[in-house]
Every structure is written in C-alpha cells, then in structure tokens.
C-alpha cells in the first residue's frame, strides 16, 4: 500500500512539473515604427486567409479552430496598422485584396517523443516548427500589386523540467505572437513599396 501511495504521489508530481514551452528563434521579423504613418486617403482591404500544415514533408488538414485563430491574428495586424479605412473579409467589395496563405511546417521526431514518454518525461524532446506567410496583394481587377513572403521558426520543448517556462513561453500564445509579427512585417514591407497607394474610392 505504501508503494502504491508513493507511486501515486510521484505521478501527481510528474503531471504538475511536466510541460511544454515554445521559444522563438533569433531570426524574427524586423519591425520598424508601428503603427506606420497613415495616408490621408485610406483604402479598404479585404483579407482571404487560408492555411496548411506540413509534418515531416507530409501535408495535413488544418483544424478549423486553429485556422480561425490564424485569421484573428491576420485581421488584428491589418486593423492595428491604421493604414486602411476598413478591413473586410475576402468576399466583400474592396479597393485592395490580400490573399494570405499560412503554412505551418513542423519536424517532429517520433522516436524522441516516444523516448520522452517512456522515460516519464525525464528525457526531453523538441519539435522544430516554421511559420511561413505568403501574401499577394491585388487591385479590384485582380491585378497583382505586390507579393511578400515572411518566415519565422520556433522550437517547442516537452519535458519534466520545462514546466516553469510554460508561463512566459506558452505554446498557446507564442505562435500567435509570431503570426502577428509576420503579418505586421508583411504590411510594413508592402507599405514601403507603395502597394497600398491606389486611388481610394471612398468606400466604407
């Protein structure tokens, strides 16, 4: 009975101290002044967001809940830029259209993941993941105005002693921050090339 009680305590401690933390790599998107200087005559922009996941070169469907989170970060970036009179969905009439394609490319090591579980998380495992955003801007006639590509990678660690880092490097918030920054960087680059300086039609 004492052995079973001790085992139960150990399992509880493991569950409390085992965690997953995500860390951004040094190659972050370069961000200048945010929000940038807004033009006097602003255009509307409509966003079409799509996504795919790739694990060890095998493409998979993206969960609709995850895709919705991605959309929110894309919309947040364009709304906070202050460059547009309105940010719309991709099907609405607009001055400018942005086709935002997001790829989540991961390289999970299944052997290390098994070893981590087998050793009760004493041996940690790592997942290398890159978020890639390709954005194409078009005018009302479907003519391409510009195309911007941005990438940033993160590393997620799973293990017994990772738990304290979860609070500041949560795997639920770090990827959102990365997506927000990548879209902001895309906007800044496109804006620096006068992509959004089309003639405004004054639409709401």
Protein backbone atom coordinates (compact mmCIF):
# COMPACT_ATOMS: atom_id res chain seq x y z
CA UNK A 1 0.00 0.00 0.00
CA UNK A 2 2.83 2.40 0.82
CA UNK A 3 4.40 1.67 -2.56
CA UNK A 4 1.12 2.44 -4.35
CA UNK A 5 0.72 5.67 -2.41
CA UNK A 6 4.29 6.67 -3.23
CA UNK A 7 3.74 5.86 -6.89
CA UNK A 8 0.58 7.99 -6.90
CA UNK A 9 2.45 10.92 -5.40
CA UNK A 10 5.23 10.58 -7.97
CA UNK A 11 2.70 10.54 -10.84
CA UNK A 12 0.99 13.65 -9.49
CA UNK A 13 4.31 15.46 -9.19
CA UNK A 14 5.22 14.45 -12.73
CA UNK A 15 1.94 15.77 -14.07
CA UNK A 16 2.49 19.06 -12.26
CA UNK A 17 6.09 19.53 -13.39
CA UNK A 18 5.84 18.20 -16.91
CA UNK A 19 5.19 20.80 -19.54
CA UNK A 20 5.71 22.19 -22.99
CA UNK A 21 7.33 25.54 -23.74
CA UNK A 22 7.84 27.26 -27.07
CA UNK A 23 10.79 29.54 -27.82
CA UNK A 24 11.21 31.91 -30.75
CA UNK A 25 14.43 31.70 -32.74
CA UNK A 26 16.64 34.74 -33.27
CA UNK A 27 15.53 35.31 -36.88
CA UNK A 28 12.49 37.38 -36.02
CA UNK A 29 10.63 39.61 -38.41
CA UNK A 30 12.08 43.12 -38.45
CA UNK A 31 9.54 45.68 -37.30
CA UNK A 32 10.02 49.41 -37.67
CA UNK A 33 7.57 52.01 -36.39
CA UNK A 34 4.17 50.53 -35.56
CA UNK A 35 1.65 51.63 -36.48
CA UNK A 36 3.21 53.26 -39.54
CA UNK A 37 2.32 56.73 -40.71
CA UNK A 38 -1.15 56.54 -42.21
CA UNK A 39 -2.05 58.16 -45.55
CA UNK A 40 -4.61 60.94 -45.74
CA UNK A 41 -6.83 58.95 -48.12
CA UNK A 42 -7.14 55.39 -46.90
CA UNK A 43 -8.25 52.42 -48.97
CA UNK A 44 -10.27 49.44 -47.83
CA UNK A 45 -8.70 46.00 -47.83
CA UNK A 46 -10.30 42.55 -47.91
CA UNK A 47 -8.48 39.56 -46.43
CA UNK A 48 -8.65 35.99 -47.66
CA UNK A 49 -6.83 33.68 -45.22
CA UNK A 50 -6.02 30.03 -45.89
CA UNK A 51 -3.63 27.60 -44.25
CA UNK A 52 -1.98 24.20 -44.37
CA UNK A 53 0.11 22.10 -42.02
CA UNK A 54 3.15 20.07 -43.04
CA UNK A 55 4.69 17.48 -40.72
CA UNK A 56 7.91 15.88 -41.94
CA UNK A 57 7.02 16.79 -45.55
CA UNK A 58 3.53 15.27 -45.24
CA UNK A 59 0.70 17.75 -45.75
CA UNK A 60 -2.27 17.62 -43.40
CA UNK A 61 -5.53 19.50 -43.00
CA UNK A 62 -5.60 22.41 -40.58
CA UNK A 63 -8.15 22.22 -37.80
CA UNK A 64 -10.86 24.86 -38.35
CA UNK A 65 -10.34 26.14 -34.80
CA UNK A 66 -6.64 26.72 -35.47
CA UNK A 67 -7.40 28.37 -38.80
CA UNK A 68 -9.83 30.72 -37.07
CA UNK A 69 -7.10 31.70 -34.60
CA UNK A 70 -4.80 32.43 -37.53
CA UNK A 71 -7.45 34.62 -39.14
CA UNK A 72 -7.82 36.64 -35.94
CA UNK A 73 -4.09 37.39 -35.83
CA UNK A 74 -4.07 38.41 -39.50
CA UNK A 75 -7.07 40.70 -39.00
CA UNK A 76 -5.52 42.18 -35.85
CA UNK A 77 -2.36 43.09 -37.73
CA UNK A 78 -4.22 44.89 -40.53
CA UNK A 79 -6.66 46.63 -38.20
CA UNK A 80 -3.93 47.94 -35.88
CA UNK A 81 -1.82 49.17 -38.82
CA UNK A 82 -4.08 52.20 -39.23
CA UNK A 83 -3.45 52.13 -42.98
CA UNK A 84 -6.96 51.17 -44.06
CA UNK A 85 -10.37 52.73 -43.74
CA UNK A 86 -11.86 49.24 -43.26
CA UNK A 87 -10.65 45.64 -43.04
CA UNK A 88 -13.12 43.27 -44.70
CA UNK A 89 -13.48 39.59 -45.47
CA UNK A 90 -12.13 38.29 -48.76
CA UNK A 91 -15.54 38.12 -50.46
CA UNK A 92 -16.54 41.72 -49.84
CA UNK A 93 -16.03 44.50 -52.36
CA UNK A 94 -12.86 46.41 -51.59
CA UNK A 95 -10.14 48.67 -53.02
CA UNK A 96 -7.37 46.14 -52.29
CA UNK A 97 -7.43 42.38 -51.77
CA UNK A 98 -4.89 40.41 -49.76
CA UNK A 99 -4.56 36.66 -50.22
CA UNK A 100 -2.77 35.42 -47.09
CA UNK A 101 -1.52 31.83 -47.24
CA UNK A 102 -0.12 30.41 -43.98
CA UNK A 103 1.99 27.25 -43.80
CA UNK A 104 2.84 25.57 -40.50
CA UNK A 105 5.84 23.37 -41.28
CA UNK A 106 6.95 21.11 -38.42
CA UNK A 107 9.62 18.47 -37.95
CA UNK A 108 8.53 16.24 -35.06
CA UNK A 109 10.90 13.47 -34.01
CA UNK A 110 8.66 10.50 -33.25
CA UNK A 111 11.46 8.44 -31.71
CA UNK A 112 12.37 11.22 -29.27
CA UNK A 113 8.69 11.78 -28.47
CA UNK A 114 8.37 8.08 -27.61
CA UNK A 115 11.55 8.21 -25.54
CA UNK A 116 10.25 11.23 -23.63
CA UNK A 117 7.06 9.40 -22.73
CA UNK A 118 8.85 6.16 -21.97
CA UNK A 119 11.20 7.88 -19.51
CA UNK A 120 8.28 9.72 -17.89
CA UNK A 121 9.50 12.99 -19.41
CA UNK A 122 12.97 12.79 -17.86
CA UNK A 123 14.46 12.92 -21.36
CA UNK A 124 13.05 15.97 -23.16
CA UNK A 125 12.11 16.12 -26.82
CA UNK A 126 11.99 19.03 -29.24
CA UNK A 127 9.77 19.95 -32.18
CA UNK A 128 11.15 22.41 -34.74
CA UNK A 129 8.40 24.41 -36.42
CA UNK A 130 8.39 27.20 -39.02
CA UNK A 131 5.52 29.54 -39.78
CA UNK A 132 5.56 30.77 -43.37
CA UNK A 133 3.30 33.53 -44.66
CA UNK A 134 2.93 34.33 -48.36
CA UNK A 135 0.77 37.37 -49.07
CA UNK A 136 -0.34 38.52 -52.51
CA UNK A 137 -1.95 41.94 -52.87
CA UNK A 138 -4.30 42.64 -55.78
CA UNK A 139 -6.40 45.54 -57.01
CA UNK A 140 -10.10 45.50 -57.80
CA UNK A 141 -9.46 43.98 -61.22
CA UNK A 142 -7.42 41.11 -59.83
CA UNK A 143 -4.12 42.58 -60.96
CA UNK A 144 -1.23 41.69 -58.66
CA UNK A 145 0.21 44.73 -56.90
CA UNK A 146 2.88 43.04 -54.82
CA UNK A 147 3.83 39.75 -53.15
CA UNK A 148 5.55 39.38 -49.78
CA UNK A 149 6.91 36.26 -48.06
CA UNK A 150 7.88 36.05 -44.37
CA UNK A 151 9.14 33.15 -42.23
CA UNK A 152 9.95 32.61 -38.57
CA UNK A 153 10.78 29.40 -36.73
CA UNK A 154 10.16 28.29 -33.15
CA UNK A 155 11.26 25.35 -31.02
CA UNK A 156 8.90 23.58 -28.63
CA UNK A 157 10.38 21.54 -25.80
CA UNK A 158 8.47 18.85 -23.92
CA UNK A 159 9.92 17.52 -20.70
CA UNK A 160 9.93 17.22 -16.95
CA UNK A 161 11.77 20.46 -16.22
CA UNK A 162 10.11 22.62 -18.87
CA UNK A 163 7.07 23.41 -16.76
CA UNK A 164 8.38 26.71 -15.22
CA UNK A 165 8.96 28.13 -18.71
CA UNK A 166 5.36 27.50 -19.76
CA UNK A 167 4.14 30.67 -18.11
CA UNK A 168 6.31 33.01 -20.20
CA UNK A 169 6.66 30.79 -23.28
CA UNK A 170 3.27 29.18 -23.61
CA UNK A 171 2.80 27.06 -26.75
CA UNK A 172 -0.67 28.59 -26.97
CA UNK A 173 0.48 32.22 -27.16
CA UNK A 174 3.95 32.26 -28.77
CA UNK A 175 2.76 31.09 -32.24
CA UNK A 176 0.06 33.78 -32.14
CA UNK A 177 2.69 36.42 -31.43
CA UNK A 178 4.78 35.09 -34.31
CA UNK A 179 1.84 35.25 -36.75
CA UNK A 180 1.00 38.78 -35.63
CA UNK A 181 4.59 39.94 -36.14
CA UNK A 182 4.95 38.20 -39.51
CA UNK A 183 1.81 39.91 -40.80
CA UNK A 184 2.93 43.25 -39.42
CA UNK A 185 6.28 42.81 -41.17
CA UNK A 186 4.47 41.94 -44.41
CA UNK A 187 2.36 45.08 -44.12
CA UNK A 188 5.38 47.27 -43.45
CA UNK A 189 7.28 45.89 -46.44
CA UNK A 190 4.30 46.24 -48.76
CA UNK A 191 3.64 49.76 -47.48
CA UNK A 192 7.27 50.77 -48.07
CA UNK A 193 6.78 49.81 -51.73
CA UNK A 194 3.62 51.93 -52.05
CA UNK A 195 1.46 48.83 -52.50
CA UNK A 196 -1.50 50.42 -50.76
CA UNK A 197 -1.31 53.75 -52.60
CA UNK A 198 -4.09 53.03 -55.06
CA UNK A 199 -6.79 55.60 -55.70
CA UNK A 200 -9.32 55.39 -52.91
CA UNK A 201 -12.95 55.05 -53.93
CA UNK A 202 -14.07 56.29 -50.56
CA UNK A 203 -15.94 53.09 -49.72
CA UNK A 204 -16.76 52.44 -46.00
